[in-house]
Every structure is written in C-alpha cells, then in structure tokens.
C-alpha atoms as a PDB file:
ATOM      1  CA  MET A   1       0.011  -0.008   0.003  1.00  0.00           C
ATOM      2  CA  LYS A   2       1.295   3.469  -0.943  1.00  0.00           C
ATOM      3  CA  LYS A   3       1.620   6.160   1.690  1.00  0.00           C
ATOM      4  CA  GLY A   4       0.496   9.742   1.023  1.00  0.00           C
ATOM      5  CA  PHE A   5      -2.495  12.040   0.757  1.00  0.00           C
ATOM      6  CA  THR A   6      -5.461  11.511  -1.451  1.00  0.00           C
ATOM      7  CA  LEU A   7      -6.731  14.251  -3.744  1.00  0.00           C
ATOM      8  CA  ILE A   8      -9.764  14.793  -1.492  1.00  0.00           C
ATOM      9  CA  GLU A   9      -7.538  15.299   1.562  1.00  0.00           C
ATOM     10  CA  LEU A  10      -5.370  17.810  -0.290  1.00  0.00           C
ATOM     11  CA  LEU A  11      -8.422  19.732  -1.500  1.00  0.00           C
ATOM     12  CA  GLY A  12      -9.742  19.788   2.062  1.00  0.00           C
ATOM     13  CA  ILE A  13      -6.514  21.221   3.398  1.00  0.00           C
ATOM     14  CA  ILE A  14      -6.336  23.862   0.628  1.00  0.00           C
ATOM     15  CA  THR A  15      -9.961  24.831   1.384  1.00  0.00           C
ATOM     16  CA  ILE A  16      -9.235  25.233   5.080  1.00  0.00           C
ATOM     17  CA  LEU A  17      -6.121  27.311   4.403  1.00  0.00           C
ATOM     18  CA  GLY A  18      -8.112  29.507   1.995  1.00  0.00           C
ATOM     19  CA  LEU A  19     -10.792  30.140   4.634  1.00  0.00           C
ATOM     20  CA  ILE A  20      -8.116  31.046   7.196  1.00  0.00           C
ATOM     21  CA  LEU A  21      -6.571  33.520   4.692  1.00  0.00           C
ATOM     22  CA  ILE A  22      -9.980  35.051   3.903  1.00  0.00           C
ATOM     23  CA  VAL A  23     -10.367  35.889   7.586  1.00  0.00           C
ATOM     24  CA  ALA A  24      -6.714  36.800   8.360  1.00  0.00           C
ATOM     25  CA  ILE A  25      -5.901  39.177   5.496  1.00  0.00           C
ATOM     26  CA  PRO A  26      -8.612  41.792   6.226  1.00  0.00           C
ATOM     27  CA  MET A  27      -7.652  41.709   9.917  1.00  0.00           C
ATOM     28  CA  LEU A  28      -3.979  42.354   9.004  1.00  0.00           C
ATOM     29  CA  ILE A  29      -4.912  45.216   6.681  1.00  0.00           C
ATOM     30  CA  GLU A  30      -7.145  46.803   9.402  1.00  0.00           C
ATOM     31  CA  SER A  31      -4.363  46.393  11.970  1.00  0.00           C
ATOM     32  CA  ASN A  32      -1.834  48.066   9.601  1.00  0.00           C
ATOM     33  CA  ASN A  33      -4.206  51.000   8.941  1.00  0.00           C
ATOM     34  CA  ALA A  34      -4.792  51.461  12.687  1.00  0.00           C
ATOM     35  CA  ALA A  35      -1.031  51.421  13.314  1.00  0.00           C
ATOM     36  CA  SER A  36      -0.453  54.052  10.641  1.00  0.00           C
ATOM     37  CA  ALA A  37      -3.143  56.292  12.129  1.00  0.00           C
ATOM     38  CA  ASN A  38      -1.693  55.914  15.603  1.00  0.00           C
ATOM     39  CA  GLU A  39       1.779  56.722  14.285  1.00  0.00           C
ATOM     40  CA  ALA A  40       0.510  59.898  12.588  1.00  0.00           C
ATOM     41  CA  GLU A  41      -1.258  60.993  15.782  1.00  0.00           C
ATOM     42  CA  ALA A  42       1.826  60.311  17.871  1.00  0.00           C
ATOM     43  CA  ASP A  43       4.041  62.241  15.414  1.00  0.00           C
ATOM     44  CA  SER A  44       1.655  65.174  15.565  1.00  0.00           C
ATOM     45  CA  GLU A  45       1.645  65.144  19.390  1.00  0.00           C
ATOM     46  CA  ASN A  46       5.445  64.923  19.498  1.00  0.00           C
ATOM     47  CA  LEU A  47       5.689  67.905  17.090  1.00  0.00           C
ATOM     48  CA  ARG A  48       3.323  69.895  19.280  1.00  0.00           C
ATOM     49  CA  ILE A  49       5.336  69.119  22.373  1.00  0.00           C
ATOM     50  CA  ALA A  50       8.674  69.959  20.675  1.00  0.00           C
ATOM     51  CA  ALA A  51       7.353  73.258  19.250  1.00  0.00           C
ATOM     52  CA  GLU A  52       5.759  74.231  22.551  1.00  0.00           C
ATOM     53  CA  ASP A  53       8.995  73.387  24.428  1.00  0.00           C
ATOM     54  CA  TYR A  54      10.964  75.421  21.910  1.00  0.00           C
ATOM     55  CA  MET A  55       8.661  78.421  22.314  1.00  0.00           C
ATOM     56  CA  SER A  56       8.663  78.177  26.118  1.00  0.00           C
ATOM     57  CA  SER A  57      12.477  77.854  26.224  1.00  0.00           C
ATOM     58  CA  CYS A  58      12.943  80.637  23.686  1.00  0.00           C
ATOM     59  CA  TYR A  59      10.688  82.992  25.717  1.00  0.00           C
ATOM     60  CA  SER A  60      11.975  82.088  29.186  1.00  0.00           C
ATOM     61  CA  LEU A  61      15.660  82.373  28.184  1.00  0.00           C
ATOM     62  CA  GLY A  62      15.097  85.531  26.145  1.00  0.00           C
ATOM     63  CA  LEU A  63      16.529  84.034  22.995  1.00  0.00           C
ATOM     64  CA  CYS A  64      13.715  85.074  20.638  1.00  0.00           C
ATOM     65  CA  ALA A  65      13.520  88.438  19.016  1.00  0.00           C
ATOM     66  CA  GLU A  66      11.173  90.515  21.159  1.00  0.00           C
ATOM     67  CA  ASN A  67       9.774  87.347  22.738  1.00  0.00           C
ATOM     68  CA  GLU A  68       7.719  86.556  19.657  1.00  0.00           C
ATOM     69  CA  TYR A  69       6.011  83.502  21.271  1.00  0.00           C
ATOM     70  CA  LYS A  70       4.901  85.261  24.454  1.00  0.00           C
ATOM     71  CA  ASP A  71       1.472  86.231  23.021  1.00  0.00           C
ATOM     72  CA  PHE A  72       0.784  82.650  21.909  1.00  0.00           C
ATOM     73  CA  LEU A  73       1.914  81.053  25.171  1.00  0.00           C
ATOM     74  CA  TYR A  74      -0.219  83.416  27.237  1.00  0.00           C
ATOM     75  CA  GLY A  75      -3.308  83.098  25.046  1.00  0.00           C
ATOM     76  CA  ASN A  76      -3.181  86.497  23.287  1.00  0.00           C
ATOM     77  CA  ALA A  77      -2.449  85.043  19.848  1.00  0.00           C
ATOM     78  CA  ALA A  78      -4.422  82.351  18.015  1.00  0.00           C
ATOM     79  CA  GLU A  79      -1.417  80.656  16.332  1.00  0.00           C
ATOM     80  CA  ALA A  80       2.362  80.548  16.187  1.00  0.00           C
ATOM     81  CA  THR A  81       4.813  79.005  13.750  1.00  0.00           C
ATOM     82  CA  VAL A  82       8.182  77.370  14.478  1.00  0.00           C
ATOM     83  CA  SER A  83      10.534  76.455  11.636  1.00  0.00           C
ATOM     84  CA  LYS A  84      12.075  73.046  11.129  1.00  0.00           C
ATOM     85  CA  GLU A  85      15.549  74.547  11.436  1.00  0.00           C
ATOM     86  CA  GLU A  86      14.758  75.994  14.877  1.00  0.00           C
ATOM     87  CA  LEU A  87      13.513  72.660  16.185  1.00  0.00           C
ATOM     88  CA  VAL A  88      16.419  70.653  14.771  1.00  0.00           C
ATOM     89  CA  SER A  89      19.180  73.104  15.708  1.00  0.00           C
ATOM     90  CA  GLY A  90      17.787  73.474  19.243  1.00  0.00           C
ATOM     91  CA  GLY A  91      17.756  69.709  19.681  1.00  0.00           C
ATOM     92  CA  PHE A  92      13.974  69.537  20.180  1.00  0.00           C
ATOM     93  CA  VAL A  93      13.551  66.884  17.504  1.00  0.00           C
ATOM     94  CA  LYS A  94      15.877  64.092  16.495  1.00  0.00           C
ATOM     95  CA  ASP A  95      14.204  62.640  13.374  1.00  0.00           C
ATOM     96  CA  SER A  96      13.970  65.671  11.099  1.00  0.00           C
ATOM     97  CA  GLU A  97      12.527  63.608   8.199  1.00  0.00           C
ATOM     98  CA  LYS A  98       9.077  63.636   9.831  1.00  0.00           C
ATOM     99  CA  VAL A  99       9.137  67.350  10.579  1.00  0.00           C
ATOM    100  CA  PRO A 100       7.497  69.724   8.060  1.00  0.00           C
ATOM    101  CA  ASP A 101       9.282  72.911   7.079  1.00  0.00           C
ATOM    102  CA  ASN A 102       7.047  74.934   9.393  1.00  0.00           C
ATOM    103  CA  VAL A 103       5.142  73.658  12.408  1.00  0.00           C
ATOM    104  CA  THR A 104       2.140  75.828  13.101  1.00  0.00           C
ATOM    105  CA  LEU A 105       0.395  75.568  16.443  1.00  0.00           C
ATOM    106  CA  ILE A 106      -3.135  76.816  16.929  1.00  0.00           C
ATOM    107  CA  LYS A 107      -5.405  77.113  19.962  1.00  0.00           C
ATOM    108  CA  GLU A 108      -8.493  75.004  19.436  1.00  0.00           C
ATOM    109  CA  ASN A 109     -11.115  74.586  22.165  1.00  0.00           C
ATOM    110  CA  GLY A 110      -8.552  75.542  24.837  1.00  0.00           C
ATOM    111  CA  LYS A 111      -6.034  73.037  23.612  1.00  0.00           C
ATOM    112  CA  ILE A 112      -2.884  73.619  21.538  1.00  0.00           C
ATOM    113  CA  VAL A 113      -2.782  71.425  18.424  1.00  0.00           C
ATOM    114  CA  VAL A 114      -0.607  71.156  15.300  1.00  0.00           C
ATOM    115  CA  LYS A 115      -2.266  72.754  12.265  1.00  0.00           C
ATOM    116  CA  LYS A 116      -2.489  70.374   9.345  1.00  0.00           C
END
C-alpha cells in the first residue's frame, strides 16, 4: 500500500487554508491601517510638544527676538509658527525627516494642536 495524501484530503487542506486567509488578510490590513493612524497621531503630538517646548524655552531664556512667542503662550495670539531649522538646531527633534518645514500651532477649544 502506498503512503501519502489523497486528492480529496489535499483539497480539504487547501480549502481550510483558503478560509483562514480570507479571515486573516482583512484583519492584518485593518491592523496596519490602525497602526499608521496611531503613528501619525503620535508624530503630531510629538511635534506639538517639541514646538511648545521650543517656544517656552525661547521665551523664558530671552533668545527670541522681542519674545515673539509670548502672546501665543499666554493666550493672546491664536497661532504661532516654528521652523524646522529652529527645532532641529535646538535639539527639540531628532528625526527631522518627519518634521514639516514649518510647524504651526493653533489654539483650538482651549487646547494647543498642530495645524495640518
């Protein structure tokens, strides 16, 4: 007697594997999309923190011309912009590839957010 799988057994295994893939692939795609969205949100939050830290340091140390960020930090201005060069040269960001040329912060519903 020969040992091995019959055609019916092989078709059954292929069918089961196909069903597993039909379920697994959409879940993997959804997981990847969620990870990308979370990464974008985290990058935006990190930019906000870096820009806010830069403004605060610049103002408190008196390094900015005429304390240009004072009005924004104290709620007298609706938005403020920090350049990529300022954030990188000040050491507020390490990965400059993800930083846009200008990071604009706005006050929205009492919170400071990165303008997109």
